[in-house]
């Protein structure tokens, strides 16, 4: 594993809000209908898999109702941040 790949994966933690960096096929709850989660789709990390190689991500609507849950490789996720890092040097 490259250092850059390890560094990216090590930043992802349980309960982080993430966005997909690629379009990803999934299954809609509860109908099992195939859906496409688009690049930029927002989800929440709920479990680390294979020592951080992948993560179980839950995708929910604006009311908090989950509509999909799937394993996603760490390099297909981007952690989203609400606050800036202070101080900047």
Protein backbone atom coordinates (compact mmCIF):
# COMPACT_ATOMS: atom_id res chain seq x y z
CA UNK A 1 0.00 0.00 0.00
CA UNK A 2 1.39 3.41 -0.89
CA UNK A 3 1.96 6.01 1.80
CA UNK A 4 -0.57 8.36 0.20
CA UNK A 5 -3.24 5.63 0.13
CA UNK A 6 -2.55 4.78 3.80
CA UNK A 7 -2.65 8.45 4.78
CA UNK A 8 -6.05 8.96 3.11
CA UNK A 9 -7.53 5.80 4.66
CA UNK A 10 -6.20 6.57 8.15
CA UNK A 11 -8.25 9.81 8.24
CA UNK A 12 -11.62 8.07 7.91
CA UNK A 13 -13.31 7.23 11.21
CA UNK A 14 -16.63 5.80 12.40
CA UNK A 15 -19.45 8.41 12.19
CA UNK A 16 -17.54 10.56 9.66
CA UNK A 17 -19.68 12.17 6.98
CA UNK A 18 -18.29 11.20 3.58
CA UNK A 19 -19.02 11.72 -0.10
CA UNK A 20 -18.56 9.20 -2.88
CA UNK A 21 -15.81 10.08 -5.35
CA UNK A 22 -17.23 7.73 -8.02
CA UNK A 23 -20.71 6.62 -9.15
CA UNK A 24 -21.59 3.42 -7.25
CA UNK A 25 -24.31 0.80 -7.75
CA UNK A 26 -26.43 0.00 -4.70
CA UNK A 27 -29.77 -1.52 -3.66
CA UNK A 28 -32.69 0.59 -2.42
CA UNK A 29 -34.24 -0.29 0.98
CA UNK A 30 -36.72 -2.02 1.34
CA UNK A 31 -37.61 -2.79 -2.28
CA UNK A 32 -34.21 -4.20 -3.33
CA UNK A 33 -34.49 -2.09 -6.48
CA UNK A 34 -31.10 -1.34 -8.08
CA UNK A 35 -30.09 2.33 -7.80
CA UNK A 36 -27.08 4.42 -8.74
CA UNK A 37 -25.47 6.50 -6.02
CA UNK A 38 -23.84 9.44 -7.81
CA UNK A 39 -20.39 10.91 -7.28
CA UNK A 40 -20.85 13.39 -4.42
CA UNK A 41 -23.62 11.39 -2.72
CA UNK A 42 -23.32 11.90 1.05
CA UNK A 43 -23.29 9.08 3.60
CA UNK A 44 -22.14 8.20 7.12
CA UNK A 45 -19.41 5.72 8.06
CA UNK A 46 -20.89 3.02 10.29
CA UNK A 47 -18.17 0.36 10.27
CA UNK A 48 -14.51 -0.10 9.32
CA UNK A 49 -13.76 -3.16 7.16
CA UNK A 50 -10.45 -4.94 6.44
CA UNK A 51 -8.33 -2.63 8.63
CA UNK A 52 -9.56 0.49 6.84
CA UNK A 53 -9.34 -0.77 3.26
CA UNK A 54 -13.13 -0.30 3.01
CA UNK A 55 -15.97 1.09 5.11
CA UNK A 56 -19.66 0.30 5.53
CA UNK A 57 -21.50 3.49 4.58
CA UNK A 58 -25.14 4.32 5.28
CA UNK A 59 -26.95 6.67 2.90
CA UNK A 60 -30.07 8.42 4.23
CA UNK A 61 -32.62 10.97 3.03
CA UNK A 62 -33.20 14.41 4.55
CA UNK A 63 -35.45 12.90 7.23
CA UNK A 64 -32.72 10.48 8.36
CA UNK A 65 -34.38 7.42 6.80
CA UNK A 66 -31.73 5.05 5.45
CA UNK A 67 -32.24 4.08 1.82
CA UNK A 68 -28.97 2.22 1.11
CA UNK A 69 -26.04 0.69 2.96
CA UNK A 70 -22.96 -0.81 1.35
CA UNK A 71 -19.23 -1.42 1.64
CA UNK A 72 -17.15 1.21 -0.18
CA UNK A 73 -13.39 1.19 -0.74
CA UNK A 74 -11.64 3.95 1.20
CA UNK A 75 -10.13 5.41 -1.98
CA UNK A 76 -13.70 5.96 -3.30
CA UNK A 77 -14.61 8.18 -0.33
CA UNK A 78 -13.84 11.74 0.69
CA UNK A 79 -14.32 12.91 4.29
CA UNK A 80 -16.42 16.08 4.54
CA UNK A 81 -15.56 18.76 7.11
CA UNK A 82 -17.88 21.32 8.74
CA UNK A 83 -15.24 23.42 10.50
CA UNK A 84 -11.87 24.80 9.38
CA UNK A 85 -8.66 23.74 11.07
CA UNK A 86 -7.26 26.51 13.27
CA UNK A 87 -4.72 27.98 13.55
CA UNK A 88 -3.29 28.07 10.06
CA UNK A 89 0.46 28.61 9.98
